Amino acid sequence: MASVAGPGATRSEHPSLERAVLDEFYRRMRAVAPAAVGAIERDRADDPGRPFADTACGRLVRSLDDSGLRALGMWAHHWCMRFYDDDTRPALRLVREIAGRRGLGWTVDEVRWMLRESHAAGSTAGQRFTLPLAAAEELTPGALSAEELTPSARSGKELSVAPPADRRPATPVLPRQLRRA
C-alpha cells in the first residue's frame, strides 16, 4: 500500500498538538484498530449494496460508545488518508456514517488532528474533509481558525498536485511485542 499523505503527514504550519494528546489519540485508535480492520475486510468481501446497519462495520459502530466512535472515526479517517489509492470503499462508507452522527462530543484537538491529516493528504483523497468538517460543526464557533477549516486557504500546490508516482511502499505497522530490538 502506498501512502497518499507521505511521511510527516500531520506536520503543517499550524501549532503542533502536545505529545501527550497525540499519544492518547493513537492509544485510543490502536484499541479499535483490530476490530475495524476485521470489519472493513469482511465488508470488502460482502455485498456493497447491503444497508450499513447490516454490515460488519455497522455492527461495530453499534457496539461502541461515543468515545469509541470518535476513536473509530479518527482511525478510519487516518487509514483512508494514508491508503486512499487502495480499495477503501468500506472505510469511506464508515467515515461517512460516523460523520452523519451528531452529538459524539468531538474535541478541538481531535478535529484539529483530522484537519491536519486532511490538508496533508492532498487532492487525491477526494473525501478527505468529510469527517473533520462534520465534527467541526459540533465545536463552539471560533474554536478553530478559518485557515484550519478552509482547504483553499492552504497552498494550491498541496491541494492540486497528485502524489508522486515514485513513492515508497508504506512500512507495515507491527505491534510493539513483535518488533525486534
Protein backbone atom coordinates (compact mmCIF):
# COMPACT_ATOMS: atom_id res chain seq x y z
CA MET A 1 0.00 0.00 0.00
CA ALA A 2 1.19 3.48 -0.76
CA SER A 3 0.66 6.49 1.43
CA VAL A 4 -1.23 9.42 -0.05
CA ALA A 5 -0.14 11.62 2.79
CA GLY A 6 3.52 10.69 2.83
CA PRO A 7 5.96 10.94 5.69
CA GLY A 8 5.25 13.58 8.28
CA ALA A 9 1.68 13.93 7.08
CA THR A 10 0.43 15.66 10.17
CA ARG A 11 3.09 18.35 10.08
CA SER A 12 1.98 21.80 9.00
CA GLU A 13 2.46 25.42 9.86
CA HIS A 14 -0.34 25.09 12.43
CA PRO A 15 0.78 24.78 16.03
CA SER A 16 1.54 21.18 16.81
CA LEU A 17 -0.53 19.21 19.26
CA GLU A 18 1.03 18.23 22.56
CA ARG A 19 2.78 14.86 22.55
CA ALA A 20 0.56 13.57 25.38
CA VAL A 21 -2.57 14.44 23.37
CA LEU A 22 -1.25 12.66 20.28
CA ASP A 23 -0.22 9.64 22.35
CA GLU A 24 -3.75 9.41 23.74
CA PHE A 25 -5.25 9.62 20.23
CA TYR A 26 -3.03 6.82 18.98
CA ARG A 27 -3.72 4.71 22.10
CA ARG A 28 -7.47 5.03 21.53
CA MET A 29 -7.15 4.32 17.80
CA ARG A 30 -4.98 1.24 18.46
CA ALA A 31 -7.72 -0.06 20.75
CA VAL A 32 -10.32 -0.05 17.95
CA ALA A 33 -8.00 -0.83 15.02
CA PRO A 34 -8.11 -4.66 15.13
CA ALA A 35 -11.92 -4.73 15.12
CA ALA A 36 -12.01 -2.02 12.44
CA VAL A 37 -9.60 -3.86 10.14
CA GLY A 38 -11.60 -7.08 10.53
CA ALA A 39 -14.91 -5.32 9.84
CA ILE A 40 -13.55 -3.49 6.79
CA GLU A 41 -12.07 -6.72 5.39
CA ARG A 42 -15.37 -8.58 5.88
CA ASP A 43 -17.26 -5.73 4.23
CA ARG A 44 -14.87 -5.71 1.27
CA ALA A 45 -15.80 -9.33 0.57
CA ASP A 46 -19.52 -8.72 1.13
CA ASP A 47 -22.30 -7.12 -0.91
CA PRO A 48 -21.51 -3.38 -1.26
CA GLY A 49 -25.22 -2.57 -1.59
CA ARG A 50 -26.10 -4.02 1.80
CA PRO A 51 -27.59 -1.49 4.25
CA PHE A 52 -24.89 -0.12 6.56
CA ALA A 53 -26.62 -1.44 9.68
CA ASP A 54 -26.31 -4.99 8.29
CA THR A 55 -22.57 -4.76 7.58
CA ALA A 56 -19.68 -5.73 9.83
CA CYS A 57 -18.79 -2.03 10.16
CA GLY A 58 -22.40 -1.26 11.09
CA ARG A 59 -22.31 -3.88 13.84
CA LEU A 60 -19.01 -2.47 15.09
CA VAL A 61 -20.45 1.06 15.22
CA ARG A 62 -23.44 -0.18 17.25
CA SER A 63 -21.09 -1.80 19.77
CA LEU A 64 -19.19 1.41 20.65
CA ASP A 65 -19.95 4.36 22.91
CA ASP A 66 -19.35 7.96 21.77
CA SER A 67 -15.67 7.93 22.74
CA GLY A 68 -15.17 4.65 20.90
CA LEU A 69 -16.97 6.02 17.83
CA ARG A 70 -14.72 9.07 17.82
CA ALA A 71 -11.64 6.83 18.03
CA LEU A 72 -13.03 4.59 15.27
CA GLY A 73 -13.77 7.64 13.12
CA MET A 74 -10.28 9.03 13.67
CA TRP A 75 -8.71 5.65 12.87
CA ALA A 76 -10.80 5.16 9.70
CA HIS A 77 -10.08 8.74 8.63
CA HIS A 78 -6.35 8.21 9.22
CA TRP A 79 -6.42 4.90 7.32
CA CYS A 80 -8.27 6.46 4.38
CA MET A 81 -5.83 9.38 4.19
CA ARG A 82 -2.87 7.01 4.11
CA PHE A 83 -4.20 4.36 1.74
CA TYR A 84 -6.76 6.17 -0.39
CA ASP A 85 -5.44 4.54 -3.55
CA ASP A 86 -6.40 1.05 -2.36
CA ASP A 87 -9.92 -0.30 -2.06
CA THR A 88 -11.15 1.93 0.74
CA ARG A 89 -14.86 1.92 -0.10
CA PRO A 90 -15.95 0.20 3.14
CA ALA A 91 -13.73 2.53 5.19
CA LEU A 92 -15.04 5.60 3.35
CA ARG A 93 -18.59 4.41 3.98
CA LEU A 94 -17.71 4.00 7.66
CA VAL A 95 -16.28 7.55 7.76
CA ARG A 96 -19.43 8.95 6.10
CA GLU A 97 -21.67 7.10 8.56
CA ILE A 98 -19.75 8.43 11.57
CA ALA A 99 -19.74 11.93 10.03
CA GLY A 100 -23.53 11.73 9.86
CA ARG A 101 -23.85 11.14 13.60
CA ARG A 102 -24.34 14.16 15.80
CA GLY A 103 -23.50 14.69 19.45
CA LEU A 104 -20.40 12.48 19.67
CA GLY A 105 -18.56 15.09 21.74
CA TRP A 106 -15.66 15.85 19.37
CA THR A 107 -12.86 17.88 20.93
CA VAL A 108 -10.98 20.72 19.29
CA ASP A 109 -7.77 18.66 19.34
CA GLU A 110 -9.45 15.67 17.66
CA VAL A 111 -10.87 17.85 14.90
CA ARG A 112 -7.61 19.77 14.50
CA TRP A 113 -5.69 16.49 14.12
CA MET A 114 -8.09 15.19 11.45
CA LEU A 115 -7.98 18.50 9.58
CA ARG A 116 -4.17 18.43 9.57
CA GLU A 117 -4.26 14.90 8.17
CA SER A 118 -6.75 16.03 5.51
CA HIS A 119 -4.72 19.06 4.45
CA ALA A 120 -1.59 16.94 4.17
CA ALA A 121 -3.27 14.24 2.08
CA GLY A 122 -3.82 16.38 -1.00
CA SER A 123 -6.48 16.22 -3.67
CA THR A 124 -6.21 12.51 -4.48
CA ALA A 125 -8.10 11.79 -1.26
CA GLY A 126 -11.32 13.35 -2.53
CA GLN A 127 -13.39 12.89 0.63
CA ARG A 128 -10.62 13.92 3.00
CA PHE A 129 -12.66 16.64 4.73
CA THR A 130 -15.90 14.66 5.23
CA LEU A 131 -15.40 13.68 8.86
CA PRO A 132 -13.33 16.59 10.19
CA LEU A 133 -15.73 19.21 8.83
CA ALA A 134 -18.76 17.33 10.17
CA ALA A 135 -17.04 17.06 13.56
CA ALA A 136 -16.06 20.75 13.45
CA GLU A 137 -19.75 21.68 13.19
CA GLU A 138 -20.15 20.39 16.75
CA LEU A 139 -17.49 22.71 18.16
CA THR A 140 -18.21 26.14 19.53
CA PRO A 141 -17.92 28.86 16.88
CA GLY A 142 -14.38 30.21 16.64
CA ALA A 143 -12.77 27.14 18.22
CA LEU A 144 -10.79 26.62 15.00
CA SER A 145 -9.28 29.22 12.72
CA ALA A 146 -10.65 29.83 9.23
CA GLU A 147 -7.32 28.62 7.82
CA GLU A 148 -7.74 25.26 9.53
CA LEU A 149 -11.29 24.86 8.22
CA THR A 150 -10.80 26.05 4.63
CA PRO A 151 -8.93 23.76 2.24
CA SER A 152 -8.41 26.61 -0.24
CA ALA A 153 -6.56 28.60 2.41
CA ARG A 154 -3.71 26.12 2.13
CA SER A 155 -1.15 26.29 -0.65
CA GLY A 156 -2.62 25.38 -4.03
CA LYS A 157 0.34 23.12 -4.68
CA GLU A 158 -0.61 20.83 -1.81
CA LEU A 159 -4.22 20.51 -2.88
CA SER A 160 -3.93 20.28 -6.65
CA VAL A 161 -0.92 18.06 -7.30
CA ALA A 162 -1.26 14.30 -7.24
CA PRO A 163 1.23 12.41 -5.09
CA PRO A 164 4.48 11.49 -6.85
CA ALA A 165 4.50 8.16 -8.67
CA ASP A 166 7.83 7.14 -7.12
CA ARG A 167 6.51 6.76 -3.56
CA ARG A 168 7.96 4.02 -1.45
CA PRO A 169 5.57 1.40 -0.12
CA ALA A 170 4.38 2.08 3.40
CA THR A 171 6.17 0.25 6.17
CA PRO A 172 3.90 -2.29 7.84
CA VAL A 173 2.83 -1.45 11.37
CA LEU A 174 3.93 -4.09 13.83
CA PRO A 175 2.72 -4.41 17.40
CA ARG A 176 5.39 -3.50 19.92
CA GLN A 177 5.59 -7.11 21.09
CA LEU A 178 6.63 -8.31 17.62
CA ARG A 179 9.29 -5.69 16.92
CA ARG A 180 12.91 -6.74 17.16
CA ALA A 181 15.26 -4.68 19.23
